[in-house]
Amino acid sequence: MVEKKLVGKITHFYPKISVAVVELEDTLNVGDKISIEKGEESFEQVVESMQIEHENIEKAEAGQAIGLKVEQRAKEGAKVFKIIE
């Protein structure tokens, strides 16, 4: 059974570099599988790169805003879920 846990929300998206700014409500690690969802649109990916203030990080905590490299266009206001299998 696949479970999804809300970890944050996208507050901004930079299309040229395909990076979403995510305000976190929970911890997120490089290697986690996530689902980004807004309305009918959603896609899944594995977290491969996260940054805070242009510094690469492996783990981010609730309350932090991170830059997340995304594989597809992500809309502002989209919810980010961690997929727990």
PDB file of N, CA and C in Angstrom:
ATOM      1  N   MET A   1       0.845  -1.191   0.000  1.00  0.00           N
ATOM      2  CA  MET A   1       0.000   0.000   0.000  1.00  0.00           C
ATOM      3  C   MET A   1       0.887   1.249   0.000  1.00  0.00           C
ATOM      4  N   VAL A   2       0.582   2.128  -0.897  1.00  0.00           N
ATOM      5  CA  VAL A   2       1.344   3.371  -1.000  1.00  0.00           C
ATOM      6  C   VAL A   2       0.660   4.447  -0.168  1.00  0.00           C
ATOM      7  N   GLU A   3       1.456   5.111   0.658  1.00  0.00           N
ATOM      8  CA  GLU A   3       0.937   6.167   1.520  1.00  0.00           C
ATOM      9  C   GLU A   3       1.601   7.477   1.108  1.00  0.00           C
ATOM     10  N   LYS A   4       0.840   8.583   1.186  1.00  0.00           N
ATOM     11  CA  LYS A   4       1.408   9.890   0.867  1.00  0.00           C
ATOM     12  C   LYS A   4       1.290  10.795   2.074  1.00  0.00           C
ATOM     13  N   LYS A   5       2.366  11.534   2.339  1.00  0.00           N
ATOM     14  CA  LYS A   5       2.392  12.446   3.479  1.00  0.00           C
ATOM     15  C   LYS A   5       2.763  13.834   2.969  1.00  0.00           C
ATOM     16  N   LEU A   6       1.949  14.829   3.293  1.00  0.00           N
ATOM     17  CA  LEU A   6       2.212  16.206   2.865  1.00  0.00           C
ATOM     18  C   LEU A   6       3.493  16.704   3.523  1.00  0.00           C
ATOM     19  N   VAL A   7       4.434  17.176   2.707  1.00  0.00           N
ATOM     20  CA  VAL A   7       5.680  17.714   3.266  1.00  0.00           C
ATOM     21  C   VAL A   7       5.867  19.199   2.970  1.00  0.00           C
ATOM     22  N   GLY A   8       5.101  19.742   2.021  1.00  0.00           N
ATOM     23  CA  GLY A   8       5.267  21.158   1.733  1.00  0.00           C
ATOM     24  C   GLY A   8       4.430  21.644   0.571  1.00  0.00           C
ATOM     25  N   LYS A   9       4.655  22.919   0.233  1.00  0.00           N
ATOM     26  CA  LYS A   9       3.903  23.585  -0.821  1.00  0.00           C
ATOM     27  C   LYS A   9       4.862  24.414  -1.671  1.00  0.00           C
ATOM     28  N   ILE A  10       4.621  24.430  -2.973  1.00  0.00           N
ATOM     29  CA  ILE A  10       5.464  25.211  -3.877  1.00  0.00           C
ATOM     30  C   ILE A  10       5.015  26.674  -3.841  1.00  0.00           C
ATOM     31  N   THR A  11       5.971  27.557  -3.571  1.00  0.00           N
ATOM     32  CA  THR A  11       5.641  28.989  -3.505  1.00  0.00           C
ATOM     33  C   THR A  11       6.146  29.747  -4.734  1.00  0.00           C
ATOM     34  N   HIS A  12       7.070  29.147  -5.483  1.00  0.00           N
ATOM     35  CA  HIS A  12       7.597  29.803  -6.682  1.00  0.00           C
ATOM     36  C   HIS A  12       8.207  28.751  -7.597  1.00  0.00           C
ATOM     37  N   PHE A  13       8.225  29.038  -8.900  1.00  0.00           N
ATOM     38  CA  PHE A  13       8.833  28.119  -9.858  1.00  0.00           C
ATOM     39  C   PHE A  13       9.667  28.915 -10.852  1.00  0.00           C
ATOM     40  N   TYR A  14      10.895  28.453 -11.081  1.00  0.00           N
ATOM     41  CA  TYR A  14      11.797  29.089 -12.045  1.00  0.00           C
ATOM     42  C   TYR A  14      11.903  28.181 -13.273  1.00  0.00           C
ATOM     43  N   PRO A  15      11.159  28.508 -14.357  1.00  0.00           N
ATOM     44  CA  PRO A  15      11.129  27.603 -15.512  1.00  0.00           C
ATOM     45  C   PRO A  15      12.468  27.431 -16.231  1.00  0.00           C
ATOM     46  N   LYS A  16      13.291  28.481 -16.292  1.00  0.00           N
ATOM     47  CA  LYS A  16      14.562  28.377 -17.030  1.00  0.00           C
ATOM     48  C   LYS A  16      15.495  27.331 -16.426  1.00  0.00           C
ATOM     49  N   ILE A  17      15.490  27.219 -15.080  1.00  0.00           N
ATOM     50  CA  ILE A  17      16.385  26.258 -14.430  1.00  0.00           C
ATOM     51  C   ILE A  17      15.621  25.062 -13.853  1.00  0.00           C
ATOM     52  N   SER A  18      14.293  25.064 -14.044  1.00  0.00           N
ATOM     53  CA  SER A  18      13.427  23.971 -13.579  1.00  0.00           C
ATOM     54  C   SER A  18      13.599  23.697 -12.081  1.00  0.00           C
ATOM     55  N   VAL A  19      13.496  24.791 -11.301  1.00  0.00           N
ATOM     56  CA  VAL A  19      13.626  24.691  -9.850  1.00  0.00           C
ATOM     57  C   VAL A  19      12.367  25.258  -9.202  1.00  0.00           C
ATOM     58  N   ALA A  20      11.837  24.511  -8.234  1.00  0.00           N
ATOM     59  CA  ALA A  20      10.680  24.962  -7.461  1.00  0.00           C
ATOM     60  C   ALA A  20      11.140  25.337  -6.065  1.00  0.00           C
ATOM     61  N   VAL A  21      10.586  26.437  -5.527  1.00  0.00           N
ATOM     62  CA  VAL A  21      10.832  26.807  -4.138  1.00  0.00           C
ATOM     63  C   VAL A  21       9.728  26.148  -3.317  1.00  0.00           C
ATOM     64  N   VAL A  22      10.136  25.346  -2.329  1.00  0.00           N
ATOM     65  CA  VAL A  22       9.175  24.601  -1.513  1.00  0.00           C
ATOM     66  C   VAL A  22       9.286  25.041  -0.055  1.00  0.00           C
ATOM     67  N   GLU A  23       8.160  25.481   0.504  1.00  0.00           N
ATOM     68  CA  GLU A  23       8.067  25.772   1.944  1.00  0.00           C
ATOM     69  C   GLU A  23       7.739  24.460   2.624  1.00  0.00           C
ATOM     70  N   LEU A  24       8.633  23.971   3.465  1.00  0.00           N
ATOM     71  CA  LEU A  24       8.467  22.651   4.055  1.00  0.00           C
ATOM     72  C   LEU A  24       7.665  22.666   5.354  1.00  0.00           C
ATOM     73  N   GLU A  25       6.818  21.642   5.506  1.00  0.00           N
ATOM     74  CA  GLU A  25       6.060  21.417   6.736  1.00  0.00           C
ATOM     75  C   GLU A  25       6.578  20.172   7.445  1.00  0.00           C
ATOM     76  N   ASP A  26       7.487  19.448   6.799  1.00  0.00           N
ATOM     77  CA  ASP A  26       8.031  18.205   7.337  1.00  0.00           C
ATOM     78  C   ASP A  26       9.421  18.011   6.748  1.00  0.00           C
ATOM     79  N   THR A  27      10.146  17.003   7.220  1.00  0.00           N
ATOM     80  CA  THR A  27      11.497  16.767   6.710  1.00  0.00           C
ATOM     81  C   THR A  27      11.456  16.154   5.310  1.00  0.00           C
ATOM     82  N   LEU A  28      12.481  16.454   4.530  1.00  0.00           N
ATOM     83  CA  LEU A  28      12.635  15.903   3.186  1.00  0.00           C
ATOM     84  C   LEU A  28      14.113  15.607   2.980  1.00  0.00           C
ATOM     85  N   ASN A  29      14.396  14.441   2.393  1.00  0.00           N
ATOM     86  CA  ASN A  29      15.773  14.008   2.165  1.00  0.00           C
ATOM     87  C   ASN A  29      16.026  13.761   0.693  1.00  0.00           C
ATOM     88  N   VAL A  30      17.280  13.939   0.271  1.00  0.00           N
ATOM     89  CA  VAL A  30      17.667  13.518  -1.071  1.00  0.00           C
ATOM     90  C   VAL A  30      17.458  12.010  -1.126  1.00  0.00           C
ATOM     91  N   GLY A  31      16.837  11.546  -2.204  1.00  0.00           N
ATOM     92  CA  GLY A  31      16.543  10.126  -2.344  1.00  0.00           C
ATOM     93  C   GLY A  31      15.087   9.791  -2.057  1.00  0.00           C
ATOM     94  N   ASP A  32      14.355  10.716  -1.401  1.00  0.00           N
ATOM     95  CA  ASP A  32      12.933  10.488  -1.147  1.00  0.00           C
ATOM     96  C   ASP A  32      12.156  10.527  -2.462  1.00  0.00           C
ATOM     97  N   LYS A  33      11.119   9.719  -2.569  1.00  0.00           N
ATOM     98  CA  LYS A  33      10.225   9.758  -3.724  1.00  0.00           C
ATOM     99  C   LYS A  33       9.086  10.699  -3.368  1.00  0.00           C
ATOM    100  N   ILE A  34       8.789  11.645  -4.268  1.00  0.00           N
ATOM    101  CA  ILE A  34       7.753  12.642  -3.995  1.00  0.00           C
ATOM    102  C   ILE A  34       6.726  12.686  -5.124  1.00  0.00           C
ATOM    103  N   SER A  35       5.567  13.241  -4.800  1.00  0.00           N
ATOM    104  CA  SER A  35       4.521  13.509  -5.777  1.00  0.00           C
ATOM    105  C   SER A  35       4.179  14.987  -5.659  1.00  0.00           C
ATOM    106  N   ILE A  36       4.145  15.682  -6.794  1.00  0.00           N
ATOM    107  CA  ILE A  36       3.795  17.102  -6.817  1.00  0.00           C
ATOM    108  C   ILE A  36       2.422  17.192  -7.475  1.00  0.00           C
ATOM    109  N   GLU A  37       1.459  17.766  -6.750  1.00  0.00           N
ATOM    110  CA  GLU A  37       0.061  17.726  -7.194  1.00  0.00           C
ATOM    111  C   GLU A  37      -0.609  19.087  -7.109  1.00  0.00           C
ATOM    112  N   LYS A  38      -1.341  19.421  -8.186  1.00  0.00           N
ATOM    113  CA  LYS A  38      -2.181  20.638  -8.193  1.00  0.00           C
ATOM    114  C   LYS A  38      -3.376  20.335  -9.081  1.00  0.00           C
ATOM    115  N   GLY A  39      -4.543  20.269  -8.464  1.00  0.00           N
ATOM    116  CA  GLY A  39      -5.753  19.955  -9.226  1.00  0.00           C
ATOM    117  C   GLY A  39      -5.651  18.571  -9.841  1.00  0.00           C
ATOM    118  N   GLU A  40      -5.876  18.499 -11.153  1.00  0.00           N
ATOM    119  CA  GLU A  40      -5.812  17.216 -11.871  1.00  0.00           C
ATOM    120  C   GLU A  40      -4.378  16.854 -12.263  1.00  0.00           C
ATOM    121  N   GLU A  41      -3.480  17.813 -12.180  1.00  0.00           N
ATOM    122  CA  GLU A  41      -2.099  17.582 -12.625  1.00  0.00           C
ATOM    123  C   GLU A  41      -1.239  17.054 -11.488  1.00  0.00           C
ATOM    124  N   SER A  42      -0.445  16.035 -11.798  1.00  0.00           N
ATOM    125  CA  SER A  42       0.506  15.537 -10.808  1.00  0.00           C
ATOM    126  C   SER A  42       1.619  14.776 -11.511  1.00  0.00           C
ATOM    127  N   PHE A  43       2.781  14.725 -10.870  1.00  0.00           N
ATOM    128  CA  PHE A  43       3.870  13.877 -11.347  1.00  0.00           C
ATOM    129  C   PHE A  43       4.706  13.444 -10.163  1.00  0.00           C
ATOM    130  N   GLU A  44       5.392  12.317 -10.361  1.00  0.00           N
ATOM    131  CA  GLU A  44       6.241  11.766  -9.306  1.00  0.00           C
ATOM    132  C   GLU A  44       7.689  11.822  -9.744  1.00  0.00           C
ATOM    133  N   GLN A  45       8.567  11.963  -8.780  1.00  0.00           N
ATOM    134  CA  GLN A  45       9.998  11.932  -9.054  1.00  0.00           C
ATOM    135  C   GLN A  45      10.747  11.635  -7.767  1.00  0.00           C
ATOM    136  N   VAL A  46      12.027  11.295  -7.920  1.00  0.00           N
ATOM    137  CA  VAL A  46      12.897  11.104  -6.769  1.00  0.00           C
ATOM    138  C   VAL A  46      13.660  12.407  -6.553  1.00  0.00           C
ATOM    139  N   VAL A  47      13.789  12.833  -5.295  1.00  0.00           N
ATOM    140  CA  VAL A  47      14.526  14.059  -4.978  1.00  0.00           C
ATOM    141  C   VAL A  47      16.014  13.797  -5.251  1.00  0.00           C
ATOM    142  N   GLU A  48      16.565  14.521  -6.220  1.00  0.00           N
ATOM    143  CA  GLU A  48      17.978  14.334  -6.568  1.00  0.00           C
ATOM    144  C   GLU A  48      18.845  15.507  -6.149  1.00  0.00           C
ATOM    145  N   SER A  49      18.217  16.687  -6.001  1.00  0.00           N
ATOM    146  CA  SER A  49      18.998  17.875  -5.674  1.00  0.00           C
ATOM    147  C   SER A  49      18.142  18.875  -4.912  1.00  0.00           C
ATOM    148  N   MET A  50      18.653  19.308  -3.751  1.00  0.00           N
ATOM    149  CA  MET A  50      17.994  20.355  -2.957  1.00  0.00           C
ATOM    150  C   MET A  50      19.054  21.375  -2.552  1.00  0.00           C
ATOM    151  N   GLN A  51      18.623  22.633  -2.453  1.00  0.00           N
ATOM    152  CA  GLN A  51      19.554  23.677  -2.029  1.00  0.00           C
ATOM    153  C   GLN A  51      18.861  24.652  -1.084  1.00  0.00           C
ATOM    154  N   ILE A  52      19.666  25.231  -0.191  1.00  0.00           N
ATOM    155  CA  ILE A  52      19.254  26.382   0.607  1.00  0.00           C
ATOM    156  C   ILE A  52      20.339  27.426   0.410  1.00  0.00           C
ATOM    157  N   GLU A  53      19.921  28.617  -0.034  1.00  0.00           N
ATOM    158  CA  GLU A  53      20.893  29.701  -0.296  1.00  0.00           C
ATOM    159  C   GLU A  53      22.047  29.228  -1.194  1.00  0.00           C
ATOM    160  N   HIS A  54      21.717  28.502  -2.245  1.00  0.00           N
ATOM    161  CA  HIS A  54      22.681  28.018  -3.253  1.00  0.00           C
ATOM    162  C   HIS A  54      23.685  27.003  -2.720  1.00  0.00           C
ATOM    163  N   GLU A  55      23.421  26.444  -1.536  1.00  0.00           N
ATOM    164  CA  GLU A  55      24.279  25.391  -0.966  1.00  0.00           C
ATOM    165  C   GLU A  55      23.530  24.068  -1.064  1.00  0.00           C
ATOM    166  N   ASN A  56      24.190  23.045  -1.643  1.00  0.00           N
ATOM    167  CA  ASN A  56      23.570  21.729  -1.728  1.00  0.00           C
ATOM    168  C   ASN A  56      23.386  21.148  -0.333  1.00  0.00           C
ATOM    169  N   ILE A  57      22.219  20.538  -0.112  1.00  0.00           N
ATOM    170  CA  ILE A  57      21.929  19.912   1.172  1.00  0.00           C
ATOM    171  C   ILE A  57      21.395  18.500   0.929  1.00  0.00           C
ATOM    172  N   GLU A  58      21.534  17.641   1.932  1.00  0.00           N
ATOM    173  CA  GLU A  58      21.028  16.266   1.852  1.00  0.00           C
ATOM    174  C   GLU A  58      19.688  16.127   2.557  1.00  0.00           C
ATOM    175  N   LYS A  59      19.446  16.985   3.570  1.00  0.00           N
ATOM    176  CA  LYS A  59      18.228  16.891   4.375  1.00  0.00           C
ATOM    177  C   LYS A  59      17.734  18.294   4.697  1.00  0.00           C
ATOM    178  N   ALA A  60      16.417  18.473   4.630  1.00  0.00           N
ATOM    179  CA  ALA A  60      15.813  19.756   4.986  1.00  0.00           C
ATOM    180  C   ALA A  60      14.717  19.511   6.021  1.00  0.00           C
ATOM    181  N   GLU A  61      14.523  20.485   6.899  1.00  0.00           N
ATOM    182  CA  GLU A  61      13.588  20.344   8.020  1.00  0.00           C
ATOM    183  C   GLU A  61      12.341  21.208   7.805  1.00  0.00           C
ATOM    184  N   ALA A  62      11.309  20.915   8.586  1.00  0.00           N
ATOM    185  CA  ALA A  62      10.080  21.714   8.570  1.00  0.00           C
ATOM    186  C   ALA A  62      10.422  23.176   8.867  1.00  0.00           C
ATOM    187  N   GLY A  63       9.766  24.085   8.162  1.00  0.00           N
ATOM    188  CA  GLY A  63       9.987  25.511   8.375  1.00  0.00           C
ATOM    189  C   GLY A  63      11.007  26.113   7.426  1.00  0.00           C
ATOM    190  N   GLN A  64      11.765  25.261   6.730  1.00  0.00           N
ATOM    191  CA  GLN A  64      12.765  25.777   5.780  1.00  0.00           C
ATOM    192  C   GLN A  64      12.145  25.929   4.392  1.00  0.00           C
ATOM    193  N   ALA A  65      12.706  26.847   3.616  1.00  0.00           N
ATOM    194  CA  ALA A  65      12.334  27.000   2.212  1.00  0.00           C
ATOM    195  C   ALA A  65      13.514  26.501   1.404  1.00  0.00           C
ATOM    196  N   ILE A  66      13.253  25.539   0.511  1.00  0.00           N
ATOM    197  CA  ILE A  66      14.339  24.942  -0.265  1.00  0.00           C
ATOM    198  C   ILE A  66      14.120  25.146  -1.753  1.00  0.00           C
ATOM    199  N   GLY A  67      15.208  25.082  -2.496  1.00  0.00           N
ATOM    200  CA  GLY A  67      15.152  25.021  -3.946  1.00  0.00           C
ATOM    201  C   GLY A  67      15.217  23.559  -4.328  1.00  0.00           C
ATOM    202  N   LEU A  68      14.219  23.093  -5.081  1.00  0.00           N
ATOM    203  CA  LEU A  68      14.123  21.680  -5.452  1.00  0.00           C
ATOM    204  C   LEU A  68      14.143  21.548  -6.969  1.00  0.00           C
ATOM    205  N   LYS A  69      15.103  20.793  -7.488  1.00  0.00           N
ATOM    206  CA  LYS A  69      15.181  20.540  -8.927  1.00  0.00           C
ATOM    207  C   LYS A  69      14.027  19.619  -9.309  1.00  0.00           C
ATOM    208  N   VAL A  70      13.199  20.045 -10.267  1.00  0.00           N
ATOM    209  CA  VAL A  70      12.046  19.235 -10.677  1.00  0.00           C
ATOM    210  C   VAL A  70      12.162  18.831 -12.143  1.00  0.00           C
ATOM    211  N   GLU A  71      11.557  17.692 -12.465  1.00  0.00           N
ATOM    212  CA  GLU A  71      11.654  17.127 -13.813  1.00  0.00           C
ATOM    213  C   GLU A  71      10.605  17.684 -14.763  1.00  0.00           C
ATOM    214  N   GLN A  72       9.539  18.272 -14.200  1.00  0.00           N
ATOM    215  CA  GLN A  72       8.472  18.848 -15.017  1.00  0.00           C
ATOM    216  C   GLN A  72       8.114  20.213 -14.447  1.00  0.00           C
ATOM    217  N   ARG A  73       7.311  20.942 -15.232  1.00  0.00           N
ATOM    218  CA  ARG A  73       6.846  22.255 -14.779  1.00  0.00           C
ATOM    219  C   ARG A  73       5.988  22.084 -13.524  1.00  0.00           C
ATOM    220  N   ALA A  74       6.238  22.881 -12.513  1.00  0.00           N
ATOM    221  CA  ALA A  74       5.480  22.806 -11.264  1.00  0.00           C
ATOM    222  C   ALA A  74       4.779  24.139 -11.037  1.00  0.00           C
ATOM    223  N   LYS A  75       3.524  24.088 -10.670  1.00  0.00           N
ATOM    224  CA  LYS A  75       2.756  25.318 -10.470  1.00  0.00           C
ATOM    225  C   LYS A  75       2.840  25.802  -9.033  1.00  0.00           C
ATOM    226  N   GLU A  76       2.820  27.127  -8.874  1.00  0.00           N
ATOM    227  CA  GLU A  76       2.782  27.705  -7.530  1.00  0.00           C
ATOM    228  C   GLU A  76       1.496  27.249  -6.850  1.00  0.00           C
ATOM    229  N   GLY A  77       1.613  26.916  -5.580  1.00  0.00           N
ATOM    230  CA  GLY A  77       0.457  26.433  -4.831  1.00  0.00           C
ATOM    231  C   GLY A  77       0.319  24.915  -4.865  1.00  0.00           C
ATOM    232  N   ALA A  78       1.114  24.242  -5.705  1.00  0.00           N
ATOM    233  CA  ALA A  78       1.060  22.780  -5.760  1.00  0.00           C
ATOM    234  C   ALA A  78       1.549  22.203  -4.441  1.00  0.00           C
ATOM    235  N   LYS A  79       0.956  21.082  -4.047  1.00  0.00           N
ATOM    236  CA  LYS A  79       1.354  20.414  -2.811  1.00  0.00           C
ATOM    237  C   LYS A  79       2.401  19.360  -3.119  1.00  0.00           C
ATOM    238  N   VAL A  80       3.351  19.215  -2.201  1.00  0.00           N
ATOM    239  CA  VAL A  80       4.429  18.228  -2.345  1.00  0.00           C
ATOM    240  C   VAL A  80       4.207  17.147  -1.284  1.00  0.00           C
ATOM    241  N   PHE A  81       4.038  15.918  -1.769  1.00  0.00           N
ATOM    242  CA  PHE A  81       3.832  14.775  -0.873  1.00  0.00           C
ATOM    243  C   PHE A  81       5.029  13.837  -0.937  1.00  0.00           C
ATOM    244  N   LYS A  82       5.417  13.289   0.219  1.00  0.00           N
ATOM    245  CA  LYS A  82       6.429  12.231   0.265  1.00  0.00           C
ATOM    246  C   LYS A  82       5.679  10.914   0.099  1.00  0.00           C
ATOM    247  N   ILE A  83       6.172  10.049  -0.779  1.00  0.00           N
ATOM    248  CA  ILE A  83       5.538   8.755  -1.012  1.00  0.00           C
ATOM    249  C   ILE A  83       6.219   7.728  -0.109  1.00  0.00           C
ATOM    250  N   ILE A  84       5.417   7.087   0.724  1.00  0.00           N
ATOM    251  CA  ILE A  84       5.920   6.087   1.655  1.00  0.00           C
ATOM    252  C   ILE A  84       5.403   4.731   1.204  1.00  0.00           C
ATOM    253  N   GLU A  85       6.336   3.867   0.798  1.00  0.00           N
ATOM    254  CA  GLU A  85       5.920   2.549   0.282  1.00  0.00           C
ATOM    255  C   GLU A  85       6.245   1.464   1.280  1.00  0.00           C
TER     256      GLU A  85
END
